[in-house]
Amino acid sequence: SSSTTTNQDASSPSPPPPLIVDGDTGYGGASNMIRTISTLSRAGAAAISIEDQIFPKKCTIAAGSKIQIVNREEAVERVRG
């Protein structure tokens, strides 16, 4: 019956929510980025956010408009790994 199906669905365990991780700047250059992403992926991350600031990252409130980001070539290298 319909109520039996509903009860079975409600009693089955739900899958865990996806793990979304802040990977900061990747903690260095391209090789560090690869290691960071590989490690987080093996830990079960479904998505990893990587910032484009030059390492070491500065507090955006304290640095204001003096934040520096990586150049296009480095950004592409980070993504391609």
C-alpha atoms as a PDB file:
ATOM      1  CA  SER A   1       0.000   0.000   0.000  1.00  0.00           C
ATOM      2  CA  SER A   2       0.938   3.635  -0.290  1.00  0.00           C
ATOM      3  CA  SER A   3       1.400   4.091   3.471  1.00  0.00           C
ATOM      4  CA  THR A   4       3.736   1.070   3.622  1.00  0.00           C
ATOM      5  CA  THR A   5       5.939   2.555   0.886  1.00  0.00           C
ATOM      6  CA  THR A   6       6.008   5.911   2.677  1.00  0.00           C
ATOM      7  CA  ASN A   7       6.971   4.283   5.978  1.00  0.00           C
ATOM      8  CA  GLN A   8       9.766   2.321   4.327  1.00  0.00           C
ATOM      9  CA  ASP A   9      11.112   5.447   2.645  1.00  0.00           C
ATOM     10  CA  ALA A  10      11.037   7.378   5.932  1.00  0.00           C
ATOM     11  CA  SER A  11      12.860   4.633   7.812  1.00  0.00           C
ATOM     12  CA  SER A  12      15.713   4.202   5.325  1.00  0.00           C
ATOM     13  CA  PRO A  13      18.825   6.174   6.215  1.00  0.00           C
ATOM     14  CA  SER A  14      19.539   9.320   4.258  1.00  0.00           C
ATOM     15  CA  PRO A  15      22.909   9.691   2.588  1.00  0.00           C
ATOM     16  CA  PRO A  16      25.244  12.161   4.272  1.00  0.00           C
ATOM     17  CA  PRO A  17      25.242  15.689   2.871  1.00  0.00           C
ATOM     18  CA  PRO A  18      28.076  16.521   0.459  1.00  0.00           C
ATOM     19  CA  LEU A  19      31.270  17.812   2.049  1.00  0.00           C
ATOM     20  CA  ILE A  20      32.158  21.256   0.662  1.00  0.00           C
ATOM     21  CA  VAL A  21      35.622  22.431   1.737  1.00  0.00           C
ATOM     22  CA  ASP A  22      37.372  25.806   1.851  1.00  0.00           C
ATOM     23  CA  GLY A  23      40.806  25.016   0.394  1.00  0.00           C
ATOM     24  CA  ASP A  24      42.062  28.531   1.157  1.00  0.00           C
ATOM     25  CA  THR A  25      44.750  29.382  -1.434  1.00  0.00           C
ATOM     26  CA  GLY A  26      45.863  25.774  -1.837  1.00  0.00           C
ATOM     27  CA  TYR A  27      48.723  26.506   0.605  1.00  0.00           C
ATOM     28  CA  GLY A  28      51.413  27.464  -1.895  1.00  0.00           C
ATOM     29  CA  GLY A  29      52.232  26.961  -5.551  1.00  0.00           C
ATOM     30  CA  ALA A  30      50.908  24.453  -8.054  1.00  0.00           C
ATOM     31  CA  SER A  31      52.476  21.405  -6.345  1.00  0.00           C
ATOM     32  CA  ASN A  32      50.938  22.389  -3.005  1.00  0.00           C
ATOM     33  CA  MET A  33      47.611  22.949  -4.745  1.00  0.00           C
ATOM     34  CA  ILE A  34      47.712  19.434  -6.213  1.00  0.00           C
ATOM     35  CA  ARG A  35      48.516  17.938  -2.804  1.00  0.00           C
ATOM     36  CA  THR A  36      45.773  19.970  -1.092  1.00  0.00           C
ATOM     37  CA  ILE A  37      43.123  18.941  -3.611  1.00  0.00           C
ATOM     38  CA  SER A  38      44.227  15.294  -3.623  1.00  0.00           C
ATOM     39  CA  THR A  39      44.187  15.113   0.168  1.00  0.00           C
ATOM     40  CA  LEU A  40      40.776  16.751   0.481  1.00  0.00           C
ATOM     41  CA  SER A  41      39.378  14.582  -2.306  1.00  0.00           C
ATOM     42  CA  ARG A  42      40.592  11.394  -0.586  1.00  0.00           C
ATOM     43  CA  ALA A  43      38.934  12.666   2.607  1.00  0.00           C
ATOM     44  CA  GLY A  44      35.614  12.740   0.757  1.00  0.00           C
ATOM     45  CA  ALA A  45      35.242  16.356  -0.361  1.00  0.00           C
ATOM     46  CA  ALA A  46      32.572  16.772  -3.029  1.00  0.00           C
ATOM     47  CA  ALA A  47      33.677  20.344  -3.824  1.00  0.00           C
ATOM     48  CA  ILE A  48      36.706  22.462  -2.940  1.00  0.00           C
ATOM     49  CA  SER A  49      36.813  26.254  -3.105  1.00  0.00           C
ATOM     50  CA  ILE A  50      40.252  27.707  -3.894  1.00  0.00           C
ATOM     51  CA  GLU A  51      41.006  31.413  -3.573  1.00  0.00           C
ATOM     52  CA  ASP A  52      43.098  33.283  -6.109  1.00  0.00           C
ATOM     53  CA  GLN A  53      45.100  35.437  -3.697  1.00  0.00           C
ATOM     54  CA  ILE A  54      48.873  35.302  -3.706  1.00  0.00           C
ATOM     55  CA  PHE A  55      50.198  33.067  -0.916  1.00  0.00           C
ATOM     56  CA  PRO A  56      50.405  33.885   1.961  1.00  0.00           C
ATOM     57  CA  LYS A  57      46.874  35.223   1.932  1.00  0.00           C
ATOM     58  CA  LYS A  58      46.132  38.511   3.691  1.00  0.00           C
ATOM     59  CA  CYS A  59      43.074  39.453   5.686  1.00  0.00           C
ATOM     60  CA  THR A  60      40.822  41.334   3.265  1.00  0.00           C
ATOM     61  CA  ILE A  61      39.602  43.692   5.989  1.00  0.00           C
ATOM     62  CA  ALA A  62      43.129  44.726   7.013  1.00  0.00           C
ATOM     63  CA  ALA A  63      44.598  44.771   3.485  1.00  0.00           C
ATOM     64  CA  GLY A  64      41.710  46.628   1.866  1.00  0.00           C
ATOM     65  CA  SER A  65      42.415  47.264  -1.798  1.00  0.00           C
ATOM     66  CA  LYS A  66      46.009  45.994  -1.515  1.00  0.00           C
ATOM     67  CA  ILE A  67      44.967  42.360  -2.083  1.00  0.00           C
ATOM     68  CA  GLN A  68      47.033  40.729  -4.807  1.00  0.00           C
ATOM     69  CA  ILE A  69      45.806  37.845  -6.922  1.00  0.00           C
ATOM     70  CA  VAL A  70      47.802  35.357  -8.962  1.00  0.00           C
ATOM     71  CA  ASN A  71      48.357  36.081 -12.639  1.00  0.00           C
ATOM     72  CA  ARG A  72      46.343  34.300 -15.327  1.00  0.00           C
ATOM     73  CA  GLU A  73      49.098  31.775 -16.122  1.00  0.00           C
ATOM     74  CA  GLU A  74      49.407  30.655 -12.512  1.00  0.00           C
ATOM     75  CA  ALA A  75      45.631  30.488 -12.130  1.00  0.00           C
ATOM     76  CA  VAL A  76      45.411  28.198 -15.179  1.00  0.00           C
ATOM     77  CA  GLU A  77      48.317  26.056 -13.891  1.00  0.00           C
ATOM     78  CA  ARG A  78      46.566  25.689 -10.531  1.00  0.00           C
ATOM     79  CA  VAL A  79      43.425  24.389 -12.181  1.00  0.00           C
ATOM     80  CA  ARG A  80      45.148  22.091 -14.646  1.00  0.00           C
ATOM     81  CA  GLY A  81      47.548  20.730 -12.042  1.00  0.00           C
END
